[in-house]
Amino acid sequence: MPEPQSIGALGPSALANVMNGIRQKQEQGVTPGPIDDQPTPDEPGHPEYHRRRRAEWALARWTTATPPRYRQADTDHPQVQAWADDVAADPDTAGSLLLTGTTGTGKTYQAYGALRRIAAAPRVYEIRATTAADMYGLLRPKGSERGTEEELRRLVKVPLLVLDDLGSAKASEWTEEVTYRLINERYNACRPTLYTSNLPARADVDDHGRPIGPDLTSALGERIVSRLSEDTRVVAMTGTDRRRRGAA
């Protein structure tokens, strides 16, 4: 088989014939057809492909950070869904969320469901979830090798924080001061926080204006609840204890 040759090797006349043919086609209005090289939604380069990859990455991080019991959580509460959607769209203006209710009404389940909904949105988002008891344990002297101030700084700076069982710890000047610093700094930075508590933000009062039963004000102090009340949506979870109902 003869070796392939370039047009240039065939001599000037061959190259001139090729160029003349190209000019004739251009004069006749013959132009190259479109090349369909745009990526499909299943290929890199397409916005939908990268949106799905970001969502998959965020959901994987959510799964890693979520206790096994709540990895199937999926919020079905309209107000919780609305807040989660607002956080995903614009965390700087979404504000915070407080889920209140007695033990077993599904507060923690709804909280992790909200996190899952946020993680599935296109935004890449860092999330941290802890209980109030674990937070106080971490922030006590010798509670962390990083030191109290560094751990508090990390809790303040994380874009989205879940603080479960707020108000459950025994009240003291120290717990009030730590909680105030955390909530106040996140409030000032407009970082959304999802709180759950067995206590109402403010208890009902009797005919003499005295609170009936404990509330977050008595557990945490007026200045903390004042911060919460300004930009925090309160959703009261009702119903019977789901844990006991499932065991019946």
Protein backbone atom coordinates (compact mmCIF):
# COMPACT_ATOMS: atom_id res chain seq x y z
CA MET A 1 0.00 0.00 0.00
CA PRO A 2 1.45 3.41 -0.94
CA GLU A 3 2.35 5.78 1.86
CA PRO A 4 -0.19 8.60 2.45
CA GLN A 5 0.89 11.96 1.11
CA SER A 6 0.09 15.49 2.17
CA ILE A 7 -1.49 17.95 -0.22
CA GLY A 8 1.71 19.95 -0.20
CA ALA A 9 3.66 16.93 -1.41
CA LEU A 10 1.44 16.64 -4.50
CA GLY A 11 2.65 19.96 -5.81
CA PRO A 12 1.33 23.51 -6.13
CA SER A 13 -1.31 22.61 -8.70
CA ALA A 14 -3.03 20.10 -6.37
CA LEU A 15 -3.15 22.61 -3.52
CA ALA A 16 -4.51 25.28 -5.89
CA ASN A 17 -7.30 22.93 -7.03
CA VAL A 18 -8.34 22.25 -3.41
CA MET A 19 -8.38 25.94 -2.51
CA ASN A 20 -10.32 26.74 -5.68
CA GLY A 21 -12.94 24.15 -4.73
CA ILE A 22 -13.35 25.69 -1.29
CA ARG A 23 -13.78 29.18 -2.80
CA GLN A 24 -16.42 27.89 -5.23
CA LYS A 25 -18.45 26.35 -2.39
CA GLN A 26 -18.23 29.57 -0.40
CA GLU A 27 -19.40 31.57 -3.41
CA GLN A 28 -22.32 29.19 -3.88
CA GLY A 29 -23.38 29.79 -0.27
CA VAL A 30 -22.31 26.39 0.96
CA THR A 31 -21.21 26.69 4.60
CA PRO A 32 -20.25 24.03 7.11
CA GLY A 33 -23.17 22.65 9.09
CA PRO A 34 -23.50 23.18 12.86
CA ILE A 35 -21.53 20.92 15.15
CA ASP A 36 -23.55 19.59 18.08
CA ASP A 37 -20.85 19.50 20.71
CA GLN A 38 -22.86 20.98 23.61
CA PRO A 39 -22.78 18.76 26.75
CA THR A 40 -25.97 17.00 27.81
CA PRO A 41 -27.33 17.20 31.39
CA ASP A 42 -25.45 13.95 32.09
CA GLU A 43 -22.07 15.30 30.95
CA PRO A 44 -19.54 17.63 32.61
CA GLY A 45 -19.95 21.22 31.47
CA HIS A 46 -23.74 21.25 31.65
CA PRO A 47 -25.17 23.31 34.58
CA GLU A 48 -27.61 20.54 35.56
CA TYR A 49 -24.79 18.00 35.74
CA HIS A 50 -22.80 20.19 38.14
CA ARG A 51 -25.89 21.06 40.18
CA ARG A 52 -26.55 17.36 40.75
CA ARG A 53 -22.93 16.71 41.66
CA ARG A 54 -22.99 19.53 44.24
CA ALA A 55 -26.22 18.16 45.71
CA GLU A 56 -24.78 14.63 45.87
CA TRP A 57 -21.67 15.95 47.61
CA ALA A 58 -23.72 17.96 50.12
CA LEU A 59 -26.03 15.01 50.86
CA ALA A 60 -23.02 12.77 51.41
CA ARG A 61 -21.66 15.26 53.96
CA TRP A 62 -25.10 15.46 55.57
CA THR A 63 -25.25 11.67 55.87
CA THR A 64 -21.80 11.55 57.47
CA ALA A 65 -22.73 14.23 60.03
CA THR A 66 -26.16 12.77 60.85
CA PRO A 67 -26.76 10.11 63.52
CA PRO A 68 -27.93 6.81 61.94
CA ARG A 69 -31.38 7.14 63.51
CA TYR A 70 -32.09 10.32 61.55
CA ARG A 71 -30.50 9.53 58.18
CA GLN A 72 -33.94 8.88 56.68
CA ALA A 73 -35.39 12.10 58.11
CA ASP A 74 -37.42 14.12 55.62
CA THR A 75 -39.38 17.07 56.97
CA ASP A 76 -43.08 17.17 56.10
CA HIS A 77 -43.98 20.22 58.19
CA PRO A 78 -44.90 23.17 55.90
CA GLN A 79 -43.35 25.83 58.13
CA VAL A 80 -40.13 23.86 58.54
CA GLN A 81 -39.99 23.24 54.80
CA ALA A 82 -40.50 26.95 54.11
CA TRP A 83 -37.67 27.92 56.46
CA ALA A 84 -35.32 25.32 54.92
CA ASP A 85 -36.08 26.64 51.44
CA ASP A 86 -35.38 30.21 52.59
CA VAL A 87 -32.02 29.16 54.05
CA ALA A 88 -31.09 27.38 50.83
CA ALA A 89 -32.04 30.45 48.77
CA ASP A 90 -30.51 33.18 50.94
CA PRO A 91 -29.11 32.26 54.39
CA ASP A 92 -28.32 35.89 55.22
CA THR A 93 -32.01 36.82 55.36
CA ALA A 94 -33.64 33.52 56.39
CA GLY A 95 -33.32 34.00 60.14
CA SER A 96 -33.40 31.13 62.61
CA LEU A 97 -35.94 28.50 63.59
CA LEU A 98 -37.04 27.26 67.01
CA LEU A 99 -38.99 24.01 67.27
CA THR A 100 -40.71 23.65 70.63
CA GLY A 101 -42.81 20.87 72.08
CA THR A 102 -42.85 18.14 74.65
CA THR A 103 -40.65 15.05 74.47
CA GLY A 104 -41.28 12.80 71.48
CA THR A 105 -43.19 15.21 69.25
CA GLY A 106 -40.67 14.88 66.41
CA LYS A 107 -38.59 18.03 66.85
CA THR A 108 -35.22 16.40 66.21
CA TYR A 109 -36.58 14.40 63.26
CA GLN A 110 -37.95 17.56 61.66
CA ALA A 111 -34.66 19.36 62.34
CA TYR A 112 -32.58 16.75 60.53
CA GLY A 113 -35.17 16.65 57.77
CA ALA A 114 -34.72 20.40 57.33
CA LEU A 115 -30.95 19.91 57.10
CA ARG A 116 -31.43 17.26 54.46
CA ARG A 117 -33.66 19.59 52.44
CA ILE A 118 -31.05 22.33 52.63
CA ALA A 119 -28.22 19.94 51.70
CA ALA A 120 -30.12 18.84 48.59
CA ALA A 121 -30.26 22.43 47.27
CA PRO A 122 -27.66 23.65 44.75
CA ARG A 123 -25.73 25.67 47.34
CA VAL A 124 -22.66 24.06 48.90
CA TYR A 125 -23.26 24.46 52.60
CA GLU A 126 -21.38 23.55 55.78
CA ILE A 127 -23.58 22.25 58.59
CA ARG A 128 -22.92 21.30 62.19
CA ALA A 129 -25.38 19.65 64.60
CA THR A 130 -24.97 19.16 68.34
CA THR A 131 -26.99 19.02 71.53
CA ALA A 132 -26.89 21.72 74.17
CA ALA A 133 -25.46 19.20 76.67
CA ASP A 134 -22.62 18.24 74.29
CA MET A 135 -21.94 21.89 73.53
CA TYR A 136 -21.58 22.78 77.20
CA GLY A 137 -19.37 19.75 77.74
CA LEU A 138 -17.14 20.85 74.87
CA LEU A 139 -16.90 24.41 76.16
CA ARG A 140 -16.05 23.59 79.74
CA PRO A 141 -12.41 23.86 80.86
CA LYS A 142 -10.45 20.88 79.46
CA GLY A 143 -13.50 19.87 77.40
CA SER A 144 -11.49 20.14 74.18
CA GLU A 145 -7.84 20.09 73.20
CA ARG A 146 -8.50 23.11 70.98
CA GLY A 147 -9.60 25.20 73.94
CA THR A 148 -12.89 26.80 74.90
CA GLU A 149 -12.55 29.96 72.85
CA GLU A 150 -11.57 28.10 69.68
CA GLU A 151 -14.50 25.69 70.01
CA LEU A 152 -16.90 28.58 70.60
CA ARG A 153 -15.47 30.38 67.58
CA ARG A 154 -16.09 27.30 65.41
CA LEU A 155 -19.70 27.09 66.59
CA VAL A 156 -20.20 30.78 65.89
CA LYS A 157 -18.63 30.67 62.42
CA VAL A 158 -20.26 27.55 60.96
CA PRO A 159 -22.78 28.69 58.29
CA LEU A 160 -25.65 26.57 59.67
CA LEU A 161 -25.87 25.26 63.23
CA VAL A 162 -28.40 22.89 64.80
CA LEU A 163 -28.60 23.12 68.58
CA ASP A 164 -30.82 20.39 69.99
CA ASP A 165 -32.47 20.43 73.45
CA LEU A 166 -31.87 24.09 74.18
CA GLY A 167 -32.75 24.91 77.81
CA SER A 168 -32.34 21.32 79.01
CA ALA A 169 -29.16 21.94 81.01
CA LYS A 170 -29.23 23.15 84.60
CA ALA A 171 -29.26 26.94 84.50
CA SER A 172 -26.22 28.78 85.81
CA GLU A 173 -24.43 32.06 85.18
CA TRP A 174 -21.88 30.15 83.08
CA THR A 175 -24.42 28.39 80.83
CA GLU A 176 -26.32 31.65 80.37
CA GLU A 177 -23.14 33.52 79.42
CA VAL A 178 -21.97 30.83 76.96
CA THR A 179 -25.40 30.56 75.34
CA TYR A 180 -25.74 34.32 75.08
CA ARG A 181 -22.35 34.70 73.39
CA LEU A 182 -23.16 31.98 70.87
CA ILE A 183 -26.65 33.24 70.01
CA ASN A 184 -25.69 36.92 70.04
CA GLU A 185 -22.69 36.49 67.72
CA ARG A 186 -24.63 34.31 65.28
CA TYR A 187 -27.51 36.81 65.42
CA ASN A 188 -25.18 39.73 64.62
CA ALA A 189 -23.62 37.81 61.71
CA CYS A 190 -27.06 36.78 60.34
CA ARG A 191 -26.11 33.09 60.42
CA PRO A 192 -29.17 30.83 60.60
CA THR A 193 -29.53 28.45 63.54
CA LEU A 194 -32.08 25.71 64.12
CA TYR A 195 -32.94 25.21 67.78
CA THR A 196 -35.14 22.58 69.40
CA SER A 197 -36.43 22.76 72.96
CA ASN A 198 -38.89 20.97 75.20
CA LEU A 199 -39.71 24.38 76.66
CA PRO A 200 -41.86 27.10 75.09
CA ALA A 201 -40.15 30.40 74.34
CA ARG A 202 -42.50 32.04 76.83
CA ALA A 203 -44.95 30.27 79.10
CA ASP A 204 -48.60 31.21 79.46
CA VAL A 205 -49.37 33.40 82.44
CA ASP A 206 -52.02 33.19 85.14
CA ASP A 207 -54.49 35.90 86.09
CA HIS A 208 -51.75 37.66 88.05
CA GLY A 209 -49.31 37.71 85.13
CA ARG A 210 -47.10 34.98 86.58
CA PRO A 211 -45.76 32.34 84.16
CA ILE A 212 -47.38 28.92 84.33
CA GLY A 213 -44.56 26.42 84.30
CA PRO A 214 -40.98 26.77 83.03
CA ASP A 215 -40.04 28.35 79.72
CA LEU A 216 -36.87 29.36 77.87
CA THR A 217 -36.89 32.74 79.56
CA SER A 218 -36.59 31.16 83.00
CA ALA A 219 -34.03 28.61 81.74
CA LEU A 220 -31.78 30.91 79.70
CA GLY A 221 -32.52 34.48 80.74
CA GLU A 222 -34.41 37.41 79.24
CA ARG A 223 -31.59 38.80 77.08
CA ILE A 224 -31.17 35.47 75.24
CA VAL A 225 -34.88 35.07 74.54
CA SER A 226 -34.99 38.70 73.43
CA ARG A 227 -32.36 37.90 70.76
CA LEU A 228 -34.26 34.79 69.71
CA SER A 229 -37.59 36.57 69.44
CA GLU A 230 -36.31 39.17 66.97
CA ASP A 231 -35.36 36.96 64.01
CA THR A 232 -36.42 33.42 64.97
CA ARG A 233 -39.53 31.68 63.71
CA VAL A 234 -41.17 29.58 66.41
CA VAL A 235 -42.96 26.38 65.42
CA ALA A 236 -44.80 24.48 68.16
CA MET A 237 -44.77 20.73 67.62
CA THR A 238 -47.79 18.98 69.11
CA GLY A 239 -49.03 15.45 69.60
CA THR A 240 -48.25 12.46 71.76
CA ASP A 241 -44.83 10.96 72.42
CA ARG A 242 -43.95 9.18 69.16
CA ARG A 243 -41.32 7.03 70.82
CA ARG A 244 -43.80 5.57 73.31
CA ARG A 245 -46.45 5.23 70.62
CA GLY A 246 -44.06 3.21 68.46
CA ALA A 247 -43.27 0.90 71.37
CA ALA A 248 -46.96 0.29 72.19
